[in-house]
Amino acid sequence: MIGAGLKSRIAAAIIVAGLATLLTAPALAFDYARYKETDLDDVLAQPRPKTGFDLNGSKPLRLEVTLVSYEETCAIQSLESTMRMQGFTKEQIDGTQVSRCIKVRSAKGKEAILYIQDVVRAFLPREVPLGSRLTLFAIHVFTAHEGPGLLVNEFQTLKAAPATAAKEATEPPCGCGTADFHPGVDMTSDKEGAPVAAMDDGVVIRVEPDDQASVDAFNIGHCGRYVVVKHTYPNEHVVFSRYAQLGRIVGADGRPVAVGAKIRKQDKIGEVGPRKVLHFEVRPAVIGGLKTDAAWQARYGNDPSMEWSHYDPVNPQTFDADVFAGRPRKP
């Protein structure tokens, strides 16, 4: 069973050639499956450099630990610099808000200081008493002489254990959404590389090129490569469309699609990825759907490429772009 705190944390009839709607159960926003079960004592026992850093490729790890403290000071600069050395983009690094660390204890009683995203750390005092055991989902960014540099992206208490195999078998493969809400539709393709077309004229405002991005987007889900297009109509209405779990992000000419590119309706903006699934969202920029929570403001308030996530999604299958844009309906 997933608690309310966890829900808060993880909280078109468009035609694409060769794709059909996949009707399945909602997906979890956070991709738990990619985190490999690991013993913290084994991580702590790994060789350490005498100086500098050993880069660890940001491997995703699932660790069972005991919580010792909610807040510790730590060298945030080391995390930022090693992420940069491993090819994280500026917006990915800026989006990883870490101001404090936590202290945990391993099964053998060894203590470790771990980085943790602020938005995740904020829930710890409400859900996990000090001295309690919990499961951490972290990436191993680097190893220094002082120890491993682990960044925690999510946690679960023992009462909210990861989904069972039976439940996972019923979840859609897109990996976007929450346990209770899937913000869009999933479409399947017969083959990888099928073209994905834009639902309407617009401008590309965000391109996520990393299918293995190690830092999961807050309350949006681990959605692989994706593109967001902003559609602005003459009646001043605005809607955002997002195309996730893409393979190559290229146009019809085979060249990469970039931020700022002007897109025409049905222009190719990418290709279906190896999962053979397209996750598609529509988010109208309307006052009623506007998020005003402090967590969103702290993480994305100064990032225009994340403007789309400020608005709630609607059902793409019932959204009428012509009505929203004030255009005459086509016969």
C-alpha atoms as a PDB file:
ATOM      1  CA  MET A   1       0.000   0.000   0.000  1.00  0.00           C
ATOM      2  CA  ILE A   2       1.351   3.438  -0.916  1.00  0.00           C
ATOM      3  CA  GLY A   3       0.939   6.210   1.643  1.00  0.00           C
ATOM      4  CA  ALA A   4      -0.303   9.742   1.045  1.00  0.00           C
ATOM      5  CA  GLY A   5       3.175  11.194   1.441  1.00  0.00           C
ATOM      6  CA  LEU A   6       4.551   8.972  -1.285  1.00  0.00           C
ATOM      7  CA  LYS A   7       1.691   9.963  -3.580  1.00  0.00           C
ATOM      8  CA  SER A   8       2.565  13.613  -2.992  1.00  0.00           C
ATOM      9  CA  ARG A   9       6.222  13.056  -3.752  1.00  0.00           C
ATOM     10  CA  ILE A  10       5.890  11.115  -6.897  1.00  0.00           C
ATOM     11  CA  ALA A  11       2.605  13.438  -7.102  1.00  0.00           C
ATOM     12  CA  ALA A  12      -5.741  13.902 -28.459  1.00  0.00           C
ATOM     13  CA  ALA A  13      -7.163  12.140 -30.292  1.00  0.00           C
ATOM     14  CA  ILE A  14      -3.770  12.482 -31.920  1.00  0.00           C
ATOM     15  CA  ILE A  15      -3.019  10.110 -34.762  1.00  0.00           C
ATOM     16  CA  VAL A  16       0.548   8.796 -34.943  1.00  0.00           C
ATOM     17  CA  ALA A  17       1.370   6.484 -37.828  1.00  0.00           C
ATOM     18  CA  GLY A  18       1.477   2.847 -36.782  1.00  0.00           C
ATOM     19  CA  LEU A  19       0.381   3.494 -33.150  1.00  0.00           C
ATOM     20  CA  ALA A  20      -2.682   2.336 -31.250  1.00  0.00           C
ATOM     21  CA  THR A  21      -3.929   3.235 -27.772  1.00  0.00           C
ATOM     22  CA  LEU A  22      -2.838   0.837 -25.050  1.00  0.00           C
ATOM     23  CA  LEU A  23      -5.496   0.419 -22.349  1.00  0.00           C
ATOM     24  CA  THR A  24      -3.768  -0.680 -19.165  1.00  0.00           C
ATOM     25  CA  ALA A  25      -3.581   0.219 -15.483  1.00  0.00           C
ATOM     26  CA  PRO A  26      -1.864   3.401 -14.239  1.00  0.00           C
ATOM     27  CA  ALA A  27       1.913   3.512 -13.967  1.00  0.00           C
ATOM     28  CA  LEU A  28       4.117   4.535 -11.073  1.00  0.00           C
ATOM     29  CA  ALA A  29       5.755   7.924 -11.491  1.00  0.00           C
ATOM     30  CA  PHE A  30       9.055   6.736 -10.083  1.00  0.00           C
ATOM     31  CA  ASP A  31      10.857   3.964 -11.919  1.00  0.00           C
ATOM     32  CA  TYR A  32      11.672   1.688  -8.962  1.00  0.00           C
ATOM     33  CA  ALA A  33      12.602  -1.221 -11.209  1.00  0.00           C
ATOM     34  CA  ARG A  34      15.811   0.363 -12.459  1.00  0.00           C
ATOM     35  CA  TYR A  35      17.300   0.542  -8.935  1.00  0.00           C
ATOM     36  CA  LYS A  36      19.338  -2.594  -8.193  1.00  0.00           C
ATOM     37  CA  GLU A  37      19.176  -4.086  -4.694  1.00  0.00           C
ATOM     38  CA  THR A  38      22.553  -3.424  -3.068  1.00  0.00           C
ATOM     39  CA  ASP A  39      24.070  -3.783   0.395  1.00  0.00           C
ATOM     40  CA  LEU A  40      25.300  -0.445   1.739  1.00  0.00           C
ATOM     41  CA  ASP A  41      28.130  -2.255   3.535  1.00  0.00           C
ATOM     42  CA  ASP A  42      29.376  -3.499   0.165  1.00  0.00           C
ATOM     43  CA  VAL A  43      29.321   0.051  -1.204  1.00  0.00           C
ATOM     44  CA  LEU A  44      31.191   1.372   1.828  1.00  0.00           C
ATOM     45  CA  ALA A  45      33.819  -1.365   1.431  1.00  0.00           C
ATOM     46  CA  GLN A  46      34.676  -0.435  -2.161  1.00  0.00           C
ATOM     47  CA  PRO A  47      38.210   0.939  -2.795  1.00  0.00           C
ATOM     48  CA  ARG A  48      38.591   4.680  -2.342  1.00  0.00           C
ATOM     49  CA  PRO A  49      40.972   7.033  -4.125  1.00  0.00           C
ATOM     50  CA  LYS A  50      43.673   8.761  -2.064  1.00  0.00           C
ATOM     51  CA  THR A  51      42.804  12.063  -3.751  1.00  0.00           C
ATOM     52  CA  GLY A  52      40.151  13.313  -6.124  1.00  0.00           C
ATOM     53  CA  PHE A  53      37.129  11.303  -7.214  1.00  0.00           C
ATOM     54  CA  ASP A  54      36.355   7.981  -8.832  1.00  0.00           C
ATOM     55  CA  LEU A  55      33.281   8.406 -11.037  1.00  0.00           C
ATOM     56  CA  ASN A  56      30.729   5.630 -10.698  1.00  0.00           C
ATOM     57  CA  GLY A  57      28.461   6.253 -13.675  1.00  0.00           C
ATOM     58  CA  SER A  58      25.524   7.229 -11.427  1.00  0.00           C
ATOM     59  CA  LYS A  59      24.476   3.609 -10.993  1.00  0.00           C
ATOM     60  CA  PRO A  60      20.964   3.285  -9.492  1.00  0.00           C
ATOM     61  CA  LEU A  61      20.971   1.395  -6.176  1.00  0.00           C
ATOM     62  CA  ARG A  62      18.260   0.248  -3.750  1.00  0.00           C
ATOM     63  CA  LEU A  63      19.512   0.283  -0.164  1.00  0.00           C
ATOM     64  CA  GLU A  64      17.911  -0.796   3.111  1.00  0.00           C
ATOM     65  CA  VAL A  65      19.214   1.355   5.959  1.00  0.00           C
ATOM     66  CA  THR A  66      18.390   2.833   9.355  1.00  0.00           C
ATOM     67  CA  LEU A  67      17.805   6.586   9.523  1.00  0.00           C
ATOM     68  CA  VAL A  68      20.144   8.316  11.988  1.00  0.00           C
ATOM     69  CA  SER A  69      19.567  12.032  11.286  1.00  0.00           C
ATOM     70  CA  TYR A  70      17.329  14.198   9.129  1.00  0.00           C
ATOM     71  CA  GLU A  71      19.934  16.851   8.349  1.00  0.00           C
ATOM     72  CA  GLU A  72      23.708  16.937   7.965  1.00  0.00           C
ATOM     73  CA  THR A  73      25.998  19.481   6.331  1.00  0.00           C
ATOM     74  CA  CYS A  74      27.944  18.132   3.365  1.00  0.00           C
ATOM     75  CA  ALA A  75      30.035  19.210   0.375  1.00  0.00           C
ATOM     76  CA  ILE A  76      27.347  20.026  -2.167  1.00  0.00           C
ATOM     77  CA  GLN A  77      29.982  21.330  -4.581  1.00  0.00           C
ATOM     78  CA  SER A  78      31.449  17.828  -4.936  1.00  0.00           C
ATOM     79  CA  LEU A  79      28.096  16.477  -6.103  1.00  0.00           C
ATOM     80  CA  GLU A  80      27.611  19.250  -8.643  1.00  0.00           C
ATOM     81  CA  SER A  81      31.140  18.995 -10.056  1.00  0.00           C
ATOM     82  CA  THR A  82      31.091  15.204 -10.424  1.00  0.00           C
ATOM     83  CA  MET A  83      27.662  15.294 -12.074  1.00  0.00           C
ATOM     84  CA  ARG A  84      29.066  17.811 -14.535  1.00  0.00           C
ATOM     85  CA  MET A  85      32.074  15.555 -15.175  1.00  0.00           C
ATOM     86  CA  GLN A  86      29.717  12.694 -16.041  1.00  0.00           C
ATOM     87  CA  GLY A  87      27.847  14.673 -18.677  1.00  0.00           C
ATOM     88  CA  PHE A  88      24.768  15.839 -16.796  1.00  0.00           C
ATOM     89  CA  THR A  89      23.320  18.946 -18.455  1.00  0.00           C
ATOM     90  CA  LYS A  90      23.189  22.291 -16.674  1.00  0.00           C
ATOM     91  CA  GLU A  91      19.420  22.080 -16.376  1.00  0.00           C
ATOM     92  CA  GLN A  92      19.652  18.578 -14.876  1.00  0.00           C
ATOM     93  CA  ILE A  93      22.197  19.772 -12.315  1.00  0.00           C
ATOM     94  CA  ASP A  94      20.238  22.941 -11.537  1.00  0.00           C
ATOM     95  CA  GLY A  95      17.089  20.837 -11.174  1.00  0.00           C
ATOM     96  CA  THR A  96      18.748  18.652  -8.548  1.00  0.00           C
ATOM     97  CA  GLN A  97      18.070  20.748  -5.480  1.00  0.00           C
ATOM     98  CA  VAL A  98      20.302  19.488  -2.656  1.00  0.00           C
ATOM     99  CA  SER A  99      21.167  21.704   0.307  1.00  0.00           C
ATOM    100  CA  ARG A 100      21.669  19.149   3.086  1.00  0.00           C
ATOM    101  CA  CYS A 101      22.510  15.468   3.561  1.00  0.00           C
ATOM    102  CA  ILE A 102      21.161  12.743   5.843  1.00  0.00           C
ATOM    103  CA  LYS A 103      22.988  10.204   8.005  1.00  0.00           C
ATOM    104  CA  VAL A 104      22.098   6.512   7.812  1.00  0.00           C
ATOM    105  CA  ARG A 105      23.361   3.281   9.354  1.00  0.00           C
ATOM    106  CA  SER A 106      24.081   0.071   7.443  1.00  0.00           C
ATOM    107  CA  ALA A 107      23.139  -3.474   8.476  1.00  0.00           C
ATOM    108  CA  LYS A 108      26.605  -3.880  10.056  1.00  0.00           C
ATOM    109  CA  GLY A 109      26.294  -0.632  11.995  1.00  0.00           C
ATOM    110  CA  LYS A 110      28.472   1.589   9.802  1.00  0.00           C
ATOM    111  CA  GLU A 111      27.276   5.171   9.382  1.00  0.00           C
ATOM    112  CA  ALA A 112      27.278   7.102   6.111  1.00  0.00           C
ATOM    113  CA  ILE A 113      26.387  10.606   4.982  1.00  0.00           C
ATOM    114  CA  LEU A 114      24.201  10.630   1.857  1.00  0.00           C
ATOM    115  CA  TYR A 115      23.083  13.447  -0.422  1.00  0.00           C
ATOM    116  CA  ILE A 116      19.300  13.708  -0.799  1.00  0.00           C
ATOM    117  CA  GLN A 117      17.062  15.875  -2.948  1.00  0.00           C
ATOM    118  CA  ASP A 118      15.457  18.592  -0.829  1.00  0.00           C
ATOM    119  CA  VAL A 119      11.940  17.784  -1.974  1.00  0.00           C
ATOM    120  CA  VAL A 120      12.427  14.182  -0.793  1.00  0.00           C
ATOM    121  CA  ARG A 121      14.160  15.088   2.478  1.00  0.00           C
ATOM    122  CA  ALA A 122      11.238  17.348   3.424  1.00  0.00           C
ATOM    123  CA  PHE A 123       8.997  14.282   3.857  1.00  0.00           C
ATOM    124  CA  LEU A 124      11.324  12.272   6.081  1.00  0.00           C
ATOM    125  CA  PRO A 125      10.365  13.824   9.464  1.00  0.00           C
ATOM    126  CA  ARG A 126       6.674  13.275   8.693  1.00  0.00           C
ATOM    127  CA  GLU A 127       7.001   9.642   7.660  1.00  0.00           C
ATOM    128  CA  VAL A 128      10.137   8.109   9.172  1.00  0.00           C
ATOM    129  CA  PRO A 129      11.019   8.375  12.896  1.00  0.00           C
ATOM    130  CA  LEU A 130      14.743   8.452  13.652  1.00  0.00           C
ATOM    131  CA  GLY A 131      16.019   4.936  14.277  1.00  0.00           C
ATOM    132  CA  SER A 132      13.532   3.427  11.812  1.00  0.00           C
ATOM    133  CA  ARG A 133      14.462   1.300   8.841  1.00  0.00           C
ATOM    134  CA  LEU A 134      13.624   2.423   5.315  1.00  0.00           C
ATOM    135  CA  THR A 135      14.494   1.749   1.707  1.00  0.00           C
ATOM    136  CA  LEU A 136      16.428   4.372  -0.233  1.00  0.00           C
ATOM    137  CA  PHE A 137      16.554   4.689  -4.007  1.00  0.00           C
ATOM    138  CA  ALA A 138      19.855   6.394  -4.785  1.00  0.00           C
ATOM    139  CA  ILE A 139      22.420   6.826  -7.535  1.00  0.00           C
ATOM    140  CA  HIS A 140      26.144   6.271  -6.923  1.00  0.00           C
ATOM    141  CA  VAL A 141      27.625   9.422  -8.444  1.00  0.00           C
ATOM    142  CA  PHE A 142      31.230   9.215  -7.200  1.00  0.00           C
ATOM    143  CA  THR A 143      33.596   7.805  -4.613  1.00  0.00           C
ATOM    144  CA  ALA A 144      36.014  10.031  -2.677  1.00  0.00           C
ATOM    145  CA  HIS A 145      38.586   9.276   0.015  1.00  0.00           C
ATOM    146  CA  GLU A 146      35.903  10.086   2.608  1.00  0.00           C
ATOM    147  CA  GLY A 147      33.433   7.599   1.121  1.00  0.00           C
ATOM    148  CA  PRO A 148      30.806   7.091  -1.583  1.00  0.00           C
ATOM    149  CA  GLY A 149      28.819  10.012  -2.979  1.00  0.00           C
ATOM    150  CA  LEU A 150      25.257   8.675  -3.095  1.00  0.00           C
ATOM    151  CA  LEU A 151      22.300  10.857  -4.130  1.00  0.00           C
ATOM    152  CA  VAL A 152      18.889   9.783  -2.784  1.00  0.00           C
ATOM    153  CA  ASN A 153      16.017  10.354  -5.221  1.00  0.00           C
ATOM    154  CA  GLU A 154      13.223   8.602  -3.305  1.00  0.00           C
ATOM    155  CA  PHE A 155      12.515   6.557  -0.187  1.00  0.00           C
ATOM    156  CA  GLN A 156       9.957   4.084   1.065  1.00  0.00           C
ATOM    157  CA  THR A 157       9.085   2.913   4.534  1.00  0.00           C
ATOM    158  CA  LEU A 158       8.678  -0.785   5.203  1.00  0.00           C
ATOM    159  CA  LYS A 159       4.912  -0.267   5.194  1.00  0.00           C
ATOM    160  CA  ALA A 160       5.151   1.025   1.646  1.00  0.00           C
ATOM    161  CA  ALA A 161       7.367  -1.619   0.113  1.00  0.00           C
ATOM    162  CA  PRO A 162       8.017  -1.663  -3.630  1.00  0.00           C
ATOM    163  CA  ALA A 163       5.249  -3.035  -5.784  1.00  0.00           C
ATOM    164  CA  THR A 164       4.927  -6.796  -5.979  1.00  0.00           C
ATOM    165  CA  ALA A 165       5.746  -8.650  -9.148  1.00  0.00           C
ATOM    166  CA  ALA A 166       2.053  -9.309  -9.691  1.00  0.00           C
ATOM    167  CA  LYS A 167       1.239  -5.617  -9.481  1.00  0.00           C
ATOM    168  CA  GLU A 168       4.171  -4.635 -11.687  1.00  0.00           C
ATOM    169  CA  ALA A 169       2.886  -7.004 -14.332  1.00  0.00           C
ATOM    170  CA  THR A 170      -0.312  -4.956 -14.598  1.00  0.00           C
ATOM    171  CA  GLU A 171       1.412  -1.576 -14.849  1.00  0.00           C
ATOM    172  CA  PRO A 172       1.932   0.058 -18.245  1.00  0.00           C
ATOM    173  CA  PRO A 173       5.482   0.202 -19.563  1.00  0.00           C
ATOM    174  CA  CYS A 174       5.702   3.975 -19.946  1.00  0.00           C
ATOM    175  CA  GLY A 175       6.880   4.743 -16.395  1.00  0.00           C
ATOM    176  CA  CYS A 176       5.134   8.135 -16.288  1.00  0.00           C
ATOM    177  CA  GLY A 177       2.547   9.194 -13.728  1.00  0.00           C
ATOM    178  CA  THR A 178       1.662   8.150 -10.207  1.00  0.00           C
ATOM    179  CA  ALA A 179       0.128   5.084  -8.621  1.00  0.00           C
ATOM    180  CA  ASP A 180      -3.306   6.701  -8.869  1.00  0.00           C
ATOM    181  CA  PHE A 181      -3.018   8.894 -11.922  1.00  0.00           C
ATOM    182  CA  HIS A 182      -1.563   8.398 -15.379  1.00  0.00           C
ATOM    183  CA  PRO A 183      -1.217  11.880 -16.982  1.00  0.00           C
ATOM    184  CA  GLY A 184      -1.871  11.000 -20.589  1.00  0.00           C
ATOM    185  CA  VAL A 185      -2.241   7.993 -22.845  1.00  0.00           C
ATOM    186  CA  ASP A 186       0.165   5.262 -23.915  1.00  0.00           C
ATOM    187  CA  MET A 187       0.343   4.117 -27.500  1.00  0.00           C
ATOM    188  CA  THR A 188       2.166   1.086 -28.800  1.00  0.00           C
ATOM    189  CA  SER A 189       4.016   0.512 -32.045  1.00  0.00           C
ATOM    190  CA  ASP A 190       4.815  -2.641 -33.959  1.00  0.00           C
ATOM    191  CA  LYS A 191       8.406  -1.578 -34.269  1.00  0.00           C
ATOM    192  CA  GLU A 192      11.022   0.693 -32.777  1.00  0.00           C
ATOM    193  CA  GLY A 193      11.719   3.819 -34.824  1.00  0.00           C
ATOM    194  CA  ALA A 194       8.142   4.553 -35.928  1.00  0.00           C
ATOM    195  CA  PRO A 195       7.713   8.320 -36.488  1.00  0.00           C
ATOM    196  CA  VAL A 196       6.016  10.451 -33.820  1.00  0.00           C
ATOM    197  CA  ALA A 197       4.177  13.512 -35.118  1.00  0.00           C
ATOM    198  CA  ALA A 198       3.336  16.805 -33.381  1.00  0.00           C
ATOM    199  CA  MET A 199      -0.338  17.284 -32.627  1.00  0.00           C
ATOM    200  CA  ASP A 200      -0.376  20.900 -33.854  1.00  0.00           C
ATOM    201  CA  ASP A 201       1.772  23.890 -34.844  1.00  0.00           C
ATOM    202  CA  GLY A 202       4.087  25.018 -32.065  1.00  0.00           C
ATOM    203  CA  VAL A 203       7.587  25.619 -30.748  1.00  0.00           C
ATOM    204  CA  VAL A 204       9.824  23.077 -29.000  1.00  0.00           C
ATOM    205  CA  ILE A 205      10.537  24.322 -25.462  1.00  0.00           C
ATOM    206  CA  ARG A 206      12.239  21.271 -23.936  1.00  0.00           C
ATOM    207  CA  VAL A 207      14.223  18.290 -25.167  1.00  0.00           C
ATOM    208  CA  GLU A 208      15.338  15.559 -22.735  1.00  0.00           C
ATOM    209  CA  PRO A 209      17.922  13.537 -24.695  1.00  0.00           C
ATOM    210  CA  ASP A 210      19.032  11.154 -21.935  1.00  0.00           C
ATOM    211  CA  ASP A 211      17.075   7.910 -21.815  1.00  0.00           C
ATOM    212  CA  GLN A 212      18.984   6.921 -18.665  1.00  0.00           C
ATOM    213  CA  ALA A 213      18.755  10.238 -16.838  1.00  0.00           C
ATOM    214  CA  SER A 214      19.619   9.392 -13.239  1.00  0.00           C
ATOM    215  CA  VAL A 215      17.712  12.232 -11.577  1.00  0.00           C
ATOM    216  CA  ASP A 216      13.983  11.650 -11.798  1.00  0.00           C
ATOM    217  CA  ALA A 217      11.787  14.649 -12.475  1.00  0.00           C
ATOM    218  CA  PHE A 218       9.772  15.603  -9.407  1.00  0.00           C
ATOM    219  CA  ASN A 219       6.106  14.557  -9.577  1.00  0.00           C
ATOM    220  CA  ILE A 220       6.366  13.835 -13.303  1.00  0.00           C
ATOM    221  CA  GLY A 221       7.924  10.438 -13.562  1.00  0.00           C
ATOM    222  CA  HIS A 222      10.951   8.837 -15.129  1.00  0.00           C
ATOM    223  CA  CYS A 223       9.827   9.121 -18.751  1.00  0.00           C
ATOM    224  CA  GLY A 224      13.002   8.488 -20.734  1.00  0.00           C
ATOM    225  CA  ARG A 225      13.711  10.796 -23.673  1.00  0.00           C
ATOM    226  CA  TYR A 226      10.959  13.327 -24.299  1.00  0.00           C
ATOM    227  CA  VAL A 227      10.041  16.481 -26.205  1.00  0.00           C
ATOM    228  CA  VAL A 228       7.643  19.243 -25.115  1.00  0.00           C
ATOM    229  CA  VAL A 229       5.967  21.497 -27.682  1.00  0.00           C
ATOM    230  CA  LYS A 230       4.231  24.770 -26.760  1.00  0.00           C
ATOM    231  CA  HIS A 231       1.217  25.612 -28.931  1.00  0.00           C
ATOM    232  CA  THR A 232       0.101  29.261 -28.860  1.00  0.00           C
ATOM    233  CA  TYR A 233      -3.127  30.100 -30.695  1.00  0.00           C
ATOM    234  CA  PRO A 234      -4.477  33.422 -32.102  1.00  0.00           C
ATOM    235  CA  ASN A 235      -7.097  33.490 -29.319  1.00  0.00           C
ATOM    236  CA  GLU A 236      -4.136  33.638 -26.874  1.00  0.00           C
ATOM    237  CA  HIS A 237      -4.847  30.169 -25.517  1.00  0.00           C
ATOM    238  CA  VAL A 238      -1.783  28.026 -24.865  1.00  0.00           C
ATOM    239  CA  VAL A 239      -1.440  24.263 -24.563  1.00  0.00           C
ATOM    240  CA  PHE A 240       1.614  22.057 -24.066  1.00  0.00           C
ATOM    241  CA  SER A 241       2.039  18.595 -25.565  1.00  0.00           C
ATOM    242  CA  ARG A 242       4.651  16.124 -24.333  1.00  0.00           C
ATOM    243  CA  TYR A 243       5.943  13.054 -26.173  1.00  0.00           C
ATOM    244  CA  ALA A 244       7.850  10.662 -23.899  1.00  0.00           C
ATOM    245  CA  GLN A 245       9.751   7.364 -24.054  1.00  0.00           C
ATOM    246  CA  LEU A 246      11.198   8.369 -27.426  1.00  0.00           C
ATOM    247  CA  GLY A 247      14.074   6.749 -29.236  1.00  0.00           C
ATOM    248  CA  ARG A 248      15.893   9.146 -31.540  1.00  0.00           C
ATOM    249  CA  ILE A 249      14.757  12.767 -31.197  1.00  0.00           C
ATOM    250  CA  VAL A 250      14.998  13.730 -34.858  1.00  0.00           C
ATOM    251  CA  GLY A 251      12.878  15.432 -37.497  1.00  0.00           C
ATOM    252  CA  ALA A 252      11.896  14.162 -40.933  1.00  0.00           C
ATOM    253  CA  ASP A 253      15.321  15.211 -42.262  1.00  0.00           C
ATOM    254  CA  GLY A 254      17.093  13.008 -39.720  1.00  0.00           C
ATOM    255  CA  ARG A 255      18.571  15.965 -37.875  1.00  0.00           C
ATOM    256  CA  PRO A 256      18.125  16.379 -34.095  1.00  0.00           C
ATOM    257  CA  VAL A 257      15.124  18.388 -32.929  1.00  0.00           C
ATOM    258  CA  ALA A 258      16.300  21.331 -30.830  1.00  0.00           C
ATOM    259  CA  VAL A 259      14.756  23.778 -28.375  1.00  0.00           C
ATOM    260  CA  GLY A 260      13.355  26.742 -30.281  1.00  0.00           C
ATOM    261  CA  ALA A 261      12.488  24.741 -33.394  1.00  0.00           C
ATOM    262  CA  LYS A 262       9.222  25.762 -35.040  1.00  0.00           C
ATOM    263  CA  ILE A 263       7.021  22.732 -35.605  1.00  0.00           C
ATOM    264  CA  ARG A 264       4.098  22.325 -37.996  1.00  0.00           C
ATOM    265  CA  LYS A 265       1.181  20.030 -37.343  1.00  0.00           C
ATOM    266  CA  GLN A 266       2.098  16.416 -38.129  1.00  0.00           C
ATOM    267  CA  ASP A 267       5.811  17.268 -38.381  1.00  0.00           C
ATOM    268  CA  LYS A 268       7.995  14.457 -37.125  1.00  0.00           C
ATOM    269  CA  ILE A 269       9.536  15.353 -33.759  1.00  0.00           C
ATOM    270  CA  GLY A 270      10.998  11.977 -32.853  1.00  0.00           C
ATOM    271  CA  GLU A 271      10.787   8.206 -33.107  1.00  0.00           C
ATOM    272  CA  VAL A 272       9.322   5.482 -30.935  1.00  0.00           C
ATOM    273  CA  GLY A 273      11.944   4.082 -28.565  1.00  0.00           C
ATOM    274  CA  PRO A 274      13.014   0.506 -27.771  1.00  0.00           C
ATOM    275  CA  ARG A 275      10.029  -0.025 -25.460  1.00  0.00           C
ATOM    276  CA  LYS A 276       7.772   0.472 -28.517  1.00  0.00           C
ATOM    277  CA  VAL A 277       5.585   2.743 -26.414  1.00  0.00           C
ATOM    278  CA  LEU A 278       4.778   6.438 -26.756  1.00  0.00           C
ATOM    279  CA  HIS A 279       3.539   8.305 -23.678  1.00  0.00           C
ATOM    280  CA  PHE A 280       1.567  11.379 -24.788  1.00  0.00           C
ATOM    281  CA  GLU A 281       0.312  14.255 -22.602  1.00  0.00           C
ATOM    282  CA  VAL A 282      -1.740  17.414 -23.171  1.00  0.00           C
ATOM    283  CA  ARG A 283      -1.538  20.251 -20.617  1.00  0.00           C
ATOM    284  CA  PRO A 284      -3.638  23.390 -21.273  1.00  0.00           C
ATOM    285  CA  ALA A 285      -2.286  26.575 -19.669  1.00  0.00           C
ATOM    286  CA  VAL A 286      -5.443  27.406 -17.764  1.00  0.00           C
ATOM    287  CA  ILE A 287      -5.759  29.028 -14.345  1.00  0.00           C
ATOM    288  CA  GLY A 288      -7.680  26.125 -12.858  1.00  0.00           C
ATOM    289  CA  GLY A 289      -4.842  23.735 -13.596  1.00  0.00           C
ATOM    290  CA  LEU A 290      -2.045  25.947 -12.291  1.00  0.00           C
ATOM    291  CA  LYS A 291       0.205  24.480  -9.586  1.00  0.00           C
ATOM    292  CA  THR A 292       1.147  26.926  -6.846  1.00  0.00           C
ATOM    293  CA  ASP A 293       2.869  24.611  -4.359  1.00  0.00           C
ATOM    294  CA  ALA A 294       6.196  25.663  -2.871  1.00  0.00           C
ATOM    295  CA  ALA A 295       7.945  22.469  -3.983  1.00  0.00           C
ATOM    296  CA  TRP A 296       7.290  23.204  -7.657  1.00  0.00           C
ATOM    297  CA  GLN A 297       8.347  26.835  -7.273  1.00  0.00           C
ATOM    298  CA  ALA A 298      11.573  25.847  -5.524  1.00  0.00           C
ATOM    299  CA  ARG A 299      12.522  23.308  -8.151  1.00  0.00           C
ATOM    300  CA  TYR A 300      11.252  24.691 -11.451  1.00  0.00           C
ATOM    301  CA  GLY A 301      10.195  28.288 -10.832  1.00  0.00           C
ATOM    302  CA  ASN A 302      13.154  29.733 -12.758  1.00  0.00           C
ATOM    303  CA  ASP A 303      13.258  27.121 -15.521  1.00  0.00           C
ATOM    304  CA  PRO A 304      11.121  28.163 -18.536  1.00  0.00           C
ATOM    305  CA  SER A 305      11.633  24.763 -20.160  1.00  0.00           C
ATOM    306  CA  MET A 306       9.584  23.227 -17.304  1.00  0.00           C
ATOM    307  CA  GLU A 307       6.651  25.644 -17.657  1.00  0.00           C
ATOM    308  CA  TRP A 308       4.522  22.798 -19.020  1.00  0.00           C
ATOM    309  CA  SER A 309       4.748  20.911 -15.714  1.00  0.00           C
ATOM    310  CA  HIS A 310       3.130  23.887 -13.977  1.00  0.00           C
ATOM    311  CA  TYR A 311      -0.232  22.822 -15.396  1.00  0.00           C
ATOM    312  CA  ASP A 312      -2.361  19.752 -14.846  1.00  0.00           C
ATOM    313  CA  PRO A 313      -2.811  17.313 -17.734  1.00  0.00           C
ATOM    314  CA  VAL A 314      -6.147  16.572 -19.366  1.00  0.00           C
ATOM    315  CA  ASN A 315      -7.333  13.486 -21.182  1.00  0.00           C
ATOM    316  CA  PRO A 316      -5.765  13.661 -24.672  1.00  0.00           C
ATOM    317  CA  GLN A 317      -8.558  11.499 -26.053  1.00  0.00           C
ATOM    318  CA  THR A 318     -11.245  14.035 -25.170  1.00  0.00           C
ATOM    319  CA  PHE A 319      -9.264  17.261 -25.597  1.00  0.00           C
ATOM    320  CA  ASP A 320     -10.515  19.179 -28.669  1.00  0.00           C
ATOM    321  CA  ALA A 321      -7.673  21.353 -29.982  1.00  0.00           C
ATOM    322  CA  ASP A 322      -9.930  23.137 -32.472  1.00  0.00           C
ATOM    323  CA  VAL A 323     -12.397  24.209 -29.781  1.00  0.00           C
ATOM    324  CA  PHE A 324      -9.566  25.241 -27.424  1.00  0.00           C
ATOM    325  CA  ALA A 325      -7.913  27.256 -30.211  1.00  0.00           C
ATOM    326  CA  GLY A 326     -11.184  28.846 -31.330  1.00  0.00           C
ATOM    327  CA  ARG A 327     -10.879  27.347 -34.806  1.00  0.00           C
ATOM    328  CA  PRO A 328     -13.804  26.151 -36.912  1.00  0.00           C
ATOM    329  CA  ARG A 329     -14.285  22.437 -36.685  1.00  0.00           C
ATOM    330  CA  LYS A 330     -13.093  20.546 -39.708  1.00  0.00           C
ATOM    331  CA  PRO A 331     -15.862  18.613 -41.506  1.00  0.00           C
END
